[in-house]
Amino acid sequence: MKILILSLILLTCCSLAESPPRTNNHVIQRYNFQGLQALRQNELLEAQANFRLAFQIAPNAESLDGLGACEYYLGNFSNAQKYYIKAYEFNPQYYNSLINLAYLYEANGQLDLAEKLYIYLKQKYPQNYRLLNNFSAFQFDYYGEKKLLDVEFNLLQAKSIYPDVLILKNLIKVKGYGETN
């Protein structure tokens, strides 16, 4: 019954929202963006090089989060966890790394930890469309029918915030599931 709902987590790991207190902000954003583009193309070494370069210029949470995503895709979950936590410790306002950490817990089968983190984040950041999408995917995958209304509601909220293609696809899957059962 487990249906894979696409996730926005790791492919949009770097929001580039944080502004490091240096004049090199534009350069750092460019390297983080290049790292994200390489990550999306599964060019993990290139992504790591860009994220590390950005971090060397001026330490920032986005680069740490990006390095965590690279480690995740390389299957180095312990290292990914360390980077996600480091990113949050570096800047507690940068919560995208915690969204990725929740996804990592989910992927590792640490469902209780994942759920607790998703719930905490949803209470703290109710307008984050990535979080709403990923929490919905989690609930749908692990609770199915029991949480179908919550899943649909969260996805509708996410769509209202930002109508991303993946959110729309997830809504179609959820509505189709509800109609066939």
N, C-alpha and C. Protein backbone atom coordinates (compact mmCIF):
# COMPACT_ATOMS: atom_id res chain seq x y z
N MET A 1 0.82 -1.19 0.00
CA MET A 1 0.00 0.00 0.00
C MET A 1 0.87 1.25 0.00
N LYS A 2 2.13 1.08 0.20
CA LYS A 2 2.99 2.26 0.24
C LYS A 2 3.10 2.86 -1.15
N ILE A 3 2.68 4.09 -1.26
CA ILE A 3 2.73 4.80 -2.53
C ILE A 3 3.77 5.90 -2.39
N LEU A 4 4.68 5.93 -3.34
CA LEU A 4 5.73 6.93 -3.30
C LEU A 4 5.18 8.26 -3.76
N ILE A 5 5.23 9.24 -2.88
CA ILE A 5 4.86 10.60 -3.25
C ILE A 5 6.15 11.38 -3.38
N LEU A 6 6.32 12.03 -4.48
CA LEU A 6 7.55 12.77 -4.73
C LEU A 6 7.81 13.78 -3.63
N SER A 7 9.07 13.94 -3.33
CA SER A 7 9.45 14.83 -2.25
C SER A 7 10.23 16.03 -2.77
N LEU A 8 10.03 17.15 -2.15
CA LEU A 8 10.75 18.36 -2.51
C LEU A 8 12.00 18.53 -1.66
N ILE A 9 12.20 17.64 -0.71
CA ILE A 9 13.20 17.88 0.31
C ILE A 9 14.59 18.13 -0.22
N LEU A 10 15.22 17.13 -0.76
CA LEU A 10 16.63 17.26 -1.04
C LEU A 10 16.94 18.04 -2.30
N LEU A 11 16.00 18.08 -3.23
CA LEU A 11 16.28 18.79 -4.47
C LEU A 11 16.17 20.29 -4.34
N THR A 12 15.58 20.74 -3.25
CA THR A 12 15.52 22.18 -3.04
C THR A 12 16.13 22.52 -1.69
N CYS A 13 17.20 21.81 -1.38
CA CYS A 13 17.76 21.93 -0.03
C CYS A 13 18.23 23.33 0.30
N CYS A 14 18.72 24.05 -0.64
CA CYS A 14 19.30 25.36 -0.34
C CYS A 14 18.34 26.46 -0.76
N SER A 15 17.82 27.15 0.19
CA SER A 15 16.88 28.21 -0.13
C SER A 15 17.58 29.51 -0.50
N LEU A 16 18.84 29.61 -0.14
CA LEU A 16 19.62 30.83 -0.39
C LEU A 16 19.00 32.05 0.27
N ALA A 17 18.27 31.82 1.36
CA ALA A 17 17.59 32.91 2.04
C ALA A 17 18.51 33.63 3.04
N GLU A 18 19.48 32.92 3.55
CA GLU A 18 20.35 33.50 4.56
C GLU A 18 21.33 34.47 3.90
N SER A 19 21.60 35.57 4.54
CA SER A 19 22.56 36.54 4.03
C SER A 19 23.78 36.58 4.94
N PRO A 20 24.87 35.97 4.52
CA PRO A 20 26.07 36.02 5.36
C PRO A 20 26.54 37.46 5.52
N PRO A 21 27.12 37.78 6.65
CA PRO A 21 27.50 39.17 6.93
C PRO A 21 28.82 39.55 6.25
N ARG A 22 28.92 39.34 4.96
CA ARG A 22 30.12 39.69 4.20
C ARG A 22 29.72 40.30 2.87
N THR A 23 30.69 40.97 2.26
CA THR A 23 30.44 41.56 0.95
C THR A 23 30.43 40.51 -0.15
N ASN A 24 30.84 39.30 0.15
CA ASN A 24 30.89 38.22 -0.83
C ASN A 24 29.56 37.49 -0.98
N ASN A 25 28.49 38.05 -0.49
CA ASN A 25 27.18 37.40 -0.49
C ASN A 25 26.79 36.90 -1.88
N HIS A 26 26.96 37.72 -2.88
CA HIS A 26 26.58 37.33 -4.24
C HIS A 26 27.40 36.13 -4.72
N VAL A 27 28.68 36.12 -4.41
CA VAL A 27 29.55 35.02 -4.82
C VAL A 27 29.14 33.73 -4.10
N ILE A 28 28.86 33.83 -2.83
CA ILE A 28 28.44 32.66 -2.05
C ILE A 28 27.13 32.10 -2.60
N GLN A 29 26.19 32.98 -2.87
CA GLN A 29 24.91 32.53 -3.44
C GLN A 29 25.13 31.85 -4.79
N ARG A 30 26.04 32.39 -5.59
CA ARG A 30 26.30 31.79 -6.90
C ARG A 30 26.85 30.37 -6.73
N TYR A 31 27.82 30.19 -5.83
CA TYR A 31 28.39 28.85 -5.63
C TYR A 31 27.36 27.89 -5.03
N ASN A 32 26.55 28.37 -4.10
CA ASN A 32 25.50 27.52 -3.56
C ASN A 32 24.48 27.15 -4.64
N PHE A 33 24.15 28.10 -5.50
CA PHE A 33 23.22 27.82 -6.60
C PHE A 33 23.83 26.81 -7.56
N GLN A 34 25.09 26.99 -7.90
CA GLN A 34 25.76 26.03 -8.78
C GLN A 34 25.81 24.64 -8.14
N GLY A 35 26.02 24.61 -6.83
CA GLY A 35 26.00 23.34 -6.11
C GLY A 35 24.64 22.68 -6.19
N LEU A 36 23.61 23.49 -6.03
CA LEU A 36 22.24 22.96 -6.12
C LEU A 36 21.94 22.43 -7.52
N GLN A 37 22.37 23.17 -8.54
CA GLN A 37 22.15 22.72 -9.92
C GLN A 37 22.89 21.41 -10.17
N ALA A 38 24.12 21.29 -9.71
CA ALA A 38 24.89 20.05 -9.86
C ALA A 38 24.21 18.91 -9.10
N LEU A 39 23.69 19.20 -7.92
CA LEU A 39 22.99 18.20 -7.13
C LEU A 39 21.77 17.68 -7.88
N ARG A 40 21.03 18.57 -8.49
CA ARG A 40 19.85 18.17 -9.26
C ARG A 40 20.20 17.30 -10.46
N GLN A 41 21.41 17.46 -10.97
CA GLN A 41 21.87 16.66 -12.11
C GLN A 41 22.67 15.44 -11.66
N ASN A 42 22.65 15.19 -10.37
CA ASN A 42 23.34 14.05 -9.77
C ASN A 42 24.86 14.13 -9.97
N GLU A 43 25.38 15.32 -10.10
CA GLU A 43 26.83 15.56 -10.19
C GLU A 43 27.31 15.88 -8.78
N LEU A 44 27.44 14.84 -7.97
CA LEU A 44 27.65 15.04 -6.54
C LEU A 44 29.01 15.63 -6.20
N LEU A 45 30.06 15.23 -6.91
CA LEU A 45 31.37 15.81 -6.62
C LEU A 45 31.42 17.29 -6.97
N GLU A 46 30.81 17.64 -8.10
CA GLU A 46 30.74 19.05 -8.47
C GLU A 46 29.91 19.85 -7.46
N ALA A 47 28.82 19.25 -7.01
CA ALA A 47 27.98 19.91 -6.00
C ALA A 47 28.79 20.13 -4.72
N GLN A 48 29.48 19.10 -4.27
CA GLN A 48 30.29 19.23 -3.06
C GLN A 48 31.34 20.32 -3.21
N ALA A 49 31.99 20.37 -4.37
CA ALA A 49 33.03 21.37 -4.60
C ALA A 49 32.45 22.78 -4.47
N ASN A 50 31.28 23.00 -5.05
CA ASN A 50 30.65 24.33 -4.98
C ASN A 50 30.22 24.69 -3.56
N PHE A 51 29.60 23.74 -2.87
CA PHE A 51 29.16 24.01 -1.50
C PHE A 51 30.36 24.28 -0.58
N ARG A 52 31.43 23.51 -0.75
CA ARG A 52 32.63 23.72 0.08
C ARG A 52 33.28 25.07 -0.21
N LEU A 53 33.32 25.43 -1.49
CA LEU A 53 33.90 26.71 -1.86
C LEU A 53 33.10 27.87 -1.25
N ALA A 54 31.79 27.78 -1.34
CA ALA A 54 30.94 28.82 -0.75
C ALA A 54 31.18 28.91 0.76
N PHE A 55 31.29 27.76 1.41
CA PHE A 55 31.50 27.74 2.85
C PHE A 55 32.87 28.29 3.22
N GLN A 56 33.87 28.03 2.38
CA GLN A 56 35.21 28.55 2.65
C GLN A 56 35.26 30.08 2.53
N ILE A 57 34.50 30.61 1.60
CA ILE A 57 34.46 32.06 1.43
C ILE A 57 33.83 32.72 2.65
N ALA A 58 32.72 32.18 3.09
CA ALA A 58 32.06 32.66 4.30
C ALA A 58 31.16 31.54 4.81
N PRO A 59 31.45 31.02 5.98
CA PRO A 59 30.62 29.95 6.53
C PRO A 59 29.14 30.33 6.53
N ASN A 60 28.30 29.39 6.07
CA ASN A 60 26.86 29.64 5.99
C ASN A 60 26.10 28.33 6.07
N ALA A 61 24.89 28.40 6.55
CA ALA A 61 24.06 27.21 6.76
C ALA A 61 23.67 26.53 5.46
N GLU A 62 23.43 27.29 4.39
CA GLU A 62 23.00 26.69 3.12
C GLU A 62 24.06 25.75 2.57
N SER A 63 25.32 26.14 2.68
CA SER A 63 26.40 25.28 2.19
C SER A 63 26.47 23.99 3.00
N LEU A 64 26.33 24.10 4.31
CA LEU A 64 26.34 22.90 5.15
C LEU A 64 25.16 21.99 4.81
N ASP A 65 24.02 22.58 4.60
CA ASP A 65 22.82 21.81 4.22
C ASP A 65 23.05 21.12 2.87
N GLY A 66 23.63 21.84 1.92
CA GLY A 66 23.94 21.26 0.62
C GLY A 66 24.92 20.11 0.73
N LEU A 67 25.93 20.26 1.56
CA LEU A 67 26.88 19.17 1.79
C LEU A 67 26.17 17.97 2.42
N GLY A 68 25.22 18.24 3.29
CA GLY A 68 24.42 17.15 3.87
C GLY A 68 23.62 16.41 2.80
N ALA A 69 23.06 17.15 1.87
CA ALA A 69 22.30 16.53 0.79
C ALA A 69 23.22 15.66 -0.08
N CYS A 70 24.41 16.16 -0.34
CA CYS A 70 25.38 15.35 -1.12
C CYS A 70 25.68 14.05 -0.39
N GLU A 71 25.93 14.15 0.90
CA GLU A 71 26.22 12.94 1.69
C GLU A 71 25.03 11.99 1.69
N TYR A 72 23.83 12.55 1.75
CA TYR A 72 22.63 11.72 1.70
C TYR A 72 22.60 10.91 0.40
N TYR A 73 22.80 11.60 -0.72
CA TYR A 73 22.77 10.92 -2.02
C TYR A 73 23.92 9.94 -2.20
N LEU A 74 25.02 10.17 -1.51
CA LEU A 74 26.14 9.23 -1.56
C LEU A 74 25.91 8.04 -0.64
N GLY A 75 24.84 8.08 0.14
CA GLY A 75 24.53 7.00 1.06
C GLY A 75 25.24 7.10 2.40
N ASN A 76 25.87 8.22 2.65
CA ASN A 76 26.57 8.46 3.92
C ASN A 76 25.63 9.16 4.89
N PHE A 77 24.67 8.41 5.40
CA PHE A 77 23.60 9.01 6.20
C PHE A 77 24.11 9.62 7.50
N SER A 78 25.11 9.01 8.11
CA SER A 78 25.65 9.56 9.35
C SER A 78 26.28 10.94 9.10
N ASN A 79 27.03 11.05 8.00
CA ASN A 79 27.61 12.35 7.65
C ASN A 79 26.53 13.36 7.28
N ALA A 80 25.52 12.91 6.57
CA ALA A 80 24.42 13.80 6.19
C ALA A 80 23.77 14.37 7.45
N GLN A 81 23.50 13.50 8.42
CA GLN A 81 22.90 13.95 9.68
C GLN A 81 23.76 15.01 10.36
N LYS A 82 25.06 14.78 10.39
CA LYS A 82 25.97 15.74 11.03
C LYS A 82 25.92 17.10 10.33
N TYR A 83 25.90 17.09 9.00
CA TYR A 83 25.84 18.36 8.27
C TYR A 83 24.52 19.08 8.51
N TYR A 84 23.40 18.33 8.51
CA TYR A 84 22.10 18.96 8.74
C TYR A 84 22.04 19.61 10.12
N ILE A 85 22.54 18.90 11.11
CA ILE A 85 22.54 19.44 12.47
C ILE A 85 23.48 20.65 12.57
N LYS A 86 24.65 20.55 11.96
CA LYS A 86 25.61 21.67 11.94
C LYS A 86 24.99 22.91 11.30
N ALA A 87 24.27 22.71 10.21
CA ALA A 87 23.65 23.84 9.51
C ALA A 87 22.65 24.54 10.44
N TYR A 88 21.85 23.75 11.14
CA TYR A 88 20.87 24.35 12.05
C TYR A 88 21.55 25.03 13.24
N GLU A 89 22.59 24.40 13.76
CA GLU A 89 23.32 25.02 14.88
C GLU A 89 24.00 26.31 14.43
N PHE A 90 24.48 26.33 13.20
CA PHE A 90 25.13 27.51 12.67
C PHE A 90 24.15 28.67 12.57
N ASN A 91 22.93 28.35 12.12
CA ASN A 91 21.89 29.38 11.99
C ASN A 91 20.53 28.77 12.32
N PRO A 92 20.05 28.92 13.55
CA PRO A 92 18.76 28.34 13.94
C PRO A 92 17.56 28.89 13.15
N GLN A 93 17.75 29.98 12.43
CA GLN A 93 16.68 30.49 11.58
C GLN A 93 16.60 29.72 10.26
N TYR A 94 17.64 28.97 9.95
CA TYR A 94 17.68 28.17 8.72
C TYR A 94 17.16 26.77 9.04
N TYR A 95 15.86 26.58 8.91
CA TYR A 95 15.22 25.34 9.30
C TYR A 95 15.12 24.32 8.16
N ASN A 96 15.51 24.68 6.95
CA ASN A 96 15.45 23.71 5.85
C ASN A 96 16.30 22.48 6.14
N SER A 97 17.38 22.66 6.87
CA SER A 97 18.21 21.50 7.21
C SER A 97 17.46 20.54 8.13
N LEU A 98 16.57 21.07 8.97
CA LEU A 98 15.77 20.18 9.83
C LEU A 98 14.71 19.44 9.02
N ILE A 99 14.21 20.06 7.97
CA ILE A 99 13.28 19.36 7.09
C ILE A 99 14.01 18.19 6.44
N ASN A 100 15.24 18.45 6.00
CA ASN A 100 16.04 17.37 5.41
C ASN A 100 16.38 16.30 6.44
N LEU A 101 16.62 16.71 7.67
CA LEU A 101 16.91 15.76 8.74
C LEU A 101 15.71 14.85 8.99
N ALA A 102 14.52 15.42 8.99
CA ALA A 102 13.30 14.61 9.16
C ALA A 102 13.18 13.59 8.02
N TYR A 103 13.47 14.03 6.81
CA TYR A 103 13.42 13.13 5.66
C TYR A 103 14.47 12.02 5.80
N LEU A 104 15.64 12.37 6.30
CA LEU A 104 16.70 11.39 6.53
C LEU A 104 16.24 10.35 7.56
N TYR A 105 15.64 10.81 8.66
CA TYR A 105 15.12 9.89 9.66
C TYR A 105 14.08 8.95 9.03
N GLU A 106 13.23 9.51 8.21
CA GLU A 106 12.22 8.70 7.53
C GLU A 106 12.88 7.63 6.66
N ALA A 107 13.87 8.04 5.86
CA ALA A 107 14.55 7.11 4.96
C ALA A 107 15.29 6.02 5.74
N ASN A 108 15.75 6.33 6.94
CA ASN A 108 16.46 5.36 7.78
C ASN A 108 15.52 4.49 8.61
N GLY A 109 14.22 4.71 8.47
CA GLY A 109 13.26 3.92 9.23
C GLY A 109 13.07 4.40 10.65
N GLN A 110 13.59 5.57 10.98
CA GLN A 110 13.41 6.15 12.31
C GLN A 110 12.13 6.99 12.28
N LEU A 111 11.02 6.30 12.14
CA LEU A 111 9.75 6.95 11.87
C LEU A 111 9.26 7.81 13.03
N ASP A 112 9.50 7.38 14.25
CA ASP A 112 9.08 8.19 15.40
C ASP A 112 9.82 9.52 15.43
N LEU A 113 11.13 9.47 15.20
CA LEU A 113 11.91 10.71 15.17
C LEU A 113 11.47 11.60 14.02
N ALA A 114 11.25 10.99 12.87
CA ALA A 114 10.82 11.77 11.69
C ALA A 114 9.50 12.46 11.98
N GLU A 115 8.55 11.70 12.51
CA GLU A 115 7.22 12.27 12.77
C GLU A 115 7.29 13.40 13.80
N LYS A 116 8.03 13.19 14.87
CA LYS A 116 8.15 14.23 15.90
C LYS A 116 8.76 15.50 15.32
N LEU A 117 9.78 15.34 14.48
CA LEU A 117 10.42 16.50 13.88
C LEU A 117 9.50 17.20 12.90
N TYR A 118 8.78 16.43 12.08
CA TYR A 118 7.81 17.03 11.15
C TYR A 118 6.74 17.81 11.90
N ILE A 119 6.22 17.24 12.98
CA ILE A 119 5.17 17.91 13.75
C ILE A 119 5.71 19.20 14.39
N TYR A 120 6.89 19.12 14.96
CA TYR A 120 7.52 20.31 15.55
C TYR A 120 7.69 21.40 14.49
N LEU A 121 8.23 21.02 13.35
CA LEU A 121 8.47 22.00 12.29
C LEU A 121 7.18 22.59 11.75
N LYS A 122 6.15 21.76 11.64
CA LYS A 122 4.87 22.26 11.13
C LYS A 122 4.27 23.29 12.08
N GLN A 123 4.42 23.08 13.37
CA GLN A 123 3.94 24.06 14.34
C GLN A 123 4.74 25.35 14.28
N LYS A 124 6.03 25.22 14.07
CA LYS A 124 6.92 26.38 14.08
C LYS A 124 6.91 27.13 12.74
N TYR A 125 6.77 26.42 11.63
CA TYR A 125 6.83 27.02 10.29
C TYR A 125 5.65 26.54 9.44
N PRO A 126 4.44 26.95 9.79
CA PRO A 126 3.25 26.42 9.11
C PRO A 126 3.11 26.85 7.66
N GLN A 127 3.91 27.79 7.20
CA GLN A 127 3.77 28.27 5.82
C GLN A 127 4.89 27.78 4.92
N ASN A 128 5.58 26.74 5.29
CA ASN A 128 6.65 26.21 4.45
C ASN A 128 6.07 25.11 3.56
N TYR A 129 5.96 25.40 2.28
CA TYR A 129 5.32 24.45 1.36
C TYR A 129 6.11 23.15 1.23
N ARG A 130 7.44 23.20 1.30
CA ARG A 130 8.24 21.98 1.22
C ARG A 130 7.94 21.07 2.41
N LEU A 131 7.88 21.68 3.58
CA LEU A 131 7.59 20.94 4.80
C LEU A 131 6.20 20.30 4.72
N LEU A 132 5.21 21.08 4.31
CA LEU A 132 3.85 20.55 4.21
C LEU A 132 3.78 19.40 3.21
N ASN A 133 4.47 19.53 2.10
CA ASN A 133 4.49 18.46 1.10
C ASN A 133 5.15 17.20 1.67
N ASN A 134 6.29 17.35 2.29
CA ASN A 134 7.02 16.18 2.79
C ASN A 134 6.32 15.52 3.97
N PHE A 135 5.74 16.33 4.84
CA PHE A 135 4.99 15.76 5.95
C PHE A 135 3.77 15.01 5.42
N SER A 136 3.14 15.54 4.40
CA SER A 136 2.00 14.86 3.77
C SER A 136 2.43 13.53 3.18
N ALA A 137 3.57 13.52 2.50
CA ALA A 137 4.09 12.27 1.92
C ALA A 137 4.36 11.25 3.02
N PHE A 138 4.95 11.72 4.11
CA PHE A 138 5.21 10.84 5.25
C PHE A 138 3.91 10.23 5.78
N GLN A 139 2.94 11.08 6.04
CA GLN A 139 1.66 10.59 6.57
C GLN A 139 0.98 9.65 5.60
N PHE A 140 1.01 9.97 4.34
CA PHE A 140 0.35 9.13 3.33
C PHE A 140 1.04 7.77 3.24
N ASP A 141 2.37 7.77 3.24
CA ASP A 141 3.10 6.51 3.13
C ASP A 141 2.93 5.62 4.35
N TYR A 142 2.84 6.21 5.55
CA TYR A 142 2.85 5.39 6.75
C TYR A 142 1.50 5.25 7.44
N TYR A 143 0.53 6.08 7.07
CA TYR A 143 -0.78 5.97 7.69
C TYR A 143 -1.90 5.71 6.68
N GLY A 144 -1.66 6.01 5.43
CA GLY A 144 -2.65 5.76 4.38
C GLY A 144 -3.99 6.41 4.67
N GLU A 145 -5.02 5.60 4.62
CA GLU A 145 -6.40 6.08 4.78
C GLU A 145 -6.64 6.82 6.09
N LYS A 146 -5.96 6.39 7.14
CA LYS A 146 -6.19 6.98 8.46
C LYS A 146 -5.93 8.49 8.47
N LYS A 147 -5.01 8.93 7.65
CA LYS A 147 -4.61 10.34 7.64
C LYS A 147 -4.92 11.02 6.31
N LEU A 148 -5.78 10.42 5.51
CA LEU A 148 -6.03 10.93 4.16
C LEU A 148 -6.53 12.37 4.15
N LEU A 149 -7.43 12.72 5.06
CA LEU A 149 -7.93 14.10 5.11
C LEU A 149 -6.84 15.09 5.53
N ASP A 150 -6.01 14.68 6.50
CA ASP A 150 -4.89 15.53 6.91
C ASP A 150 -3.91 15.74 5.77
N VAL A 151 -3.63 14.67 5.07
CA VAL A 151 -2.69 14.73 3.94
C VAL A 151 -3.21 15.69 2.88
N GLU A 152 -4.47 15.52 2.50
CA GLU A 152 -5.05 16.39 1.47
C GLU A 152 -5.08 17.85 1.94
N PHE A 153 -5.46 18.06 3.19
CA PHE A 153 -5.50 19.42 3.73
C PHE A 153 -4.12 20.08 3.69
N ASN A 154 -3.09 19.34 4.14
CA ASN A 154 -1.72 19.89 4.12
C ASN A 154 -1.25 20.18 2.70
N LEU A 155 -1.59 19.30 1.77
CA LEU A 155 -1.19 19.53 0.38
C LEU A 155 -1.93 20.74 -0.21
N LEU A 156 -3.18 20.91 0.16
CA LEU A 156 -3.92 22.09 -0.33
C LEU A 156 -3.31 23.37 0.25
N GLN A 157 -2.90 23.31 1.51
CA GLN A 157 -2.22 24.47 2.09
C GLN A 157 -0.91 24.75 1.35
N ALA A 158 -0.14 23.70 1.10
CA ALA A 158 1.14 23.85 0.38
C ALA A 158 0.90 24.44 -1.00
N LYS A 159 -0.13 23.97 -1.68
CA LYS A 159 -0.46 24.48 -3.02
C LYS A 159 -0.83 25.96 -2.96
N SER A 160 -1.53 26.36 -1.91
CA SER A 160 -1.90 27.77 -1.76
C SER A 160 -0.66 28.65 -1.57
N ILE A 161 0.33 28.13 -0.88
CA ILE A 161 1.55 28.89 -0.62
C ILE A 161 2.40 28.96 -1.89
N TYR A 162 2.56 27.82 -2.56
CA TYR A 162 3.38 27.77 -3.78
C TYR A 162 2.94 26.56 -4.59
N PRO A 163 2.29 26.77 -5.71
CA PRO A 163 1.74 25.65 -6.50
C PRO A 163 2.80 24.90 -7.31
N ASP A 164 3.74 24.31 -6.62
CA ASP A 164 4.80 23.54 -7.25
C ASP A 164 4.21 22.31 -7.97
N VAL A 165 4.84 21.93 -9.05
CA VAL A 165 4.38 20.79 -9.85
C VAL A 165 4.31 19.52 -9.01
N LEU A 166 5.30 19.29 -8.15
CA LEU A 166 5.30 18.08 -7.32
C LEU A 166 4.14 18.06 -6.34
N ILE A 167 3.81 19.21 -5.81
CA ILE A 167 2.66 19.29 -4.90
C ILE A 167 1.38 18.96 -5.67
N LEU A 168 1.24 19.49 -6.85
CA LEU A 168 0.06 19.22 -7.67
C LEU A 168 -0.03 17.73 -8.02
N LYS A 169 1.09 17.11 -8.35
CA LYS A 169 1.10 15.67 -8.63
C LYS A 169 0.70 14.87 -7.40
N ASN A 170 1.19 15.29 -6.24
CA ASN A 170 0.84 14.60 -5.01
C ASN A 170 -0.64 14.73 -4.69
N LEU A 171 -1.20 15.89 -4.95
CA LEU A 171 -2.65 16.07 -4.75
C LEU A 171 -3.44 15.13 -5.65
N ILE A 172 -3.03 15.00 -6.88
CA ILE A 172 -3.71 14.10 -7.82
C ILE A 172 -3.64 12.66 -7.31
N LYS A 173 -2.46 12.24 -6.82
CA LYS A 173 -2.31 10.88 -6.28
C LYS A 173 -3.21 10.65 -5.07
N VAL A 174 -3.24 11.63 -4.19
CA VAL A 174 -4.03 11.50 -2.97
C VAL A 174 -5.52 11.46 -3.31
N LYS A 175 -5.95 12.36 -4.18
CA LYS A 175 -7.37 12.36 -4.56
C LYS A 175 -7.74 11.08 -5.30
N GLY A 176 -6.85 10.60 -6.15
CA GLY A 176 -7.10 9.35 -6.85
C GLY A 176 -7.16 8.16 -5.91
N TYR A 177 -6.33 8.18 -4.87
CA TYR A 177 -6.34 7.13 -3.87
C TYR A 177 -7.65 7.11 -3.11
N GLY A 178 -8.10 8.30 -2.74
CA GLY A 178 -9.36 8.41 -2.00
C GLY A 178 -10.55 7.95 -2.81
N GLU A 179 -10.53 8.17 -4.11
CA GLU A 179 -11.64 7.80 -4.97
C GLU A 179 -11.69 6.29 -5.25
N THR A 180 -10.51 5.62 -5.20
CA THR A 180 -10.49 4.19 -5.51
C THR A 180 -10.67 3.33 -4.28
N ASN A 181 -10.59 3.89 -3.09
CA ASN A 181 -10.74 3.09 -1.86
C ASN A 181 -11.99 3.47 -1.10
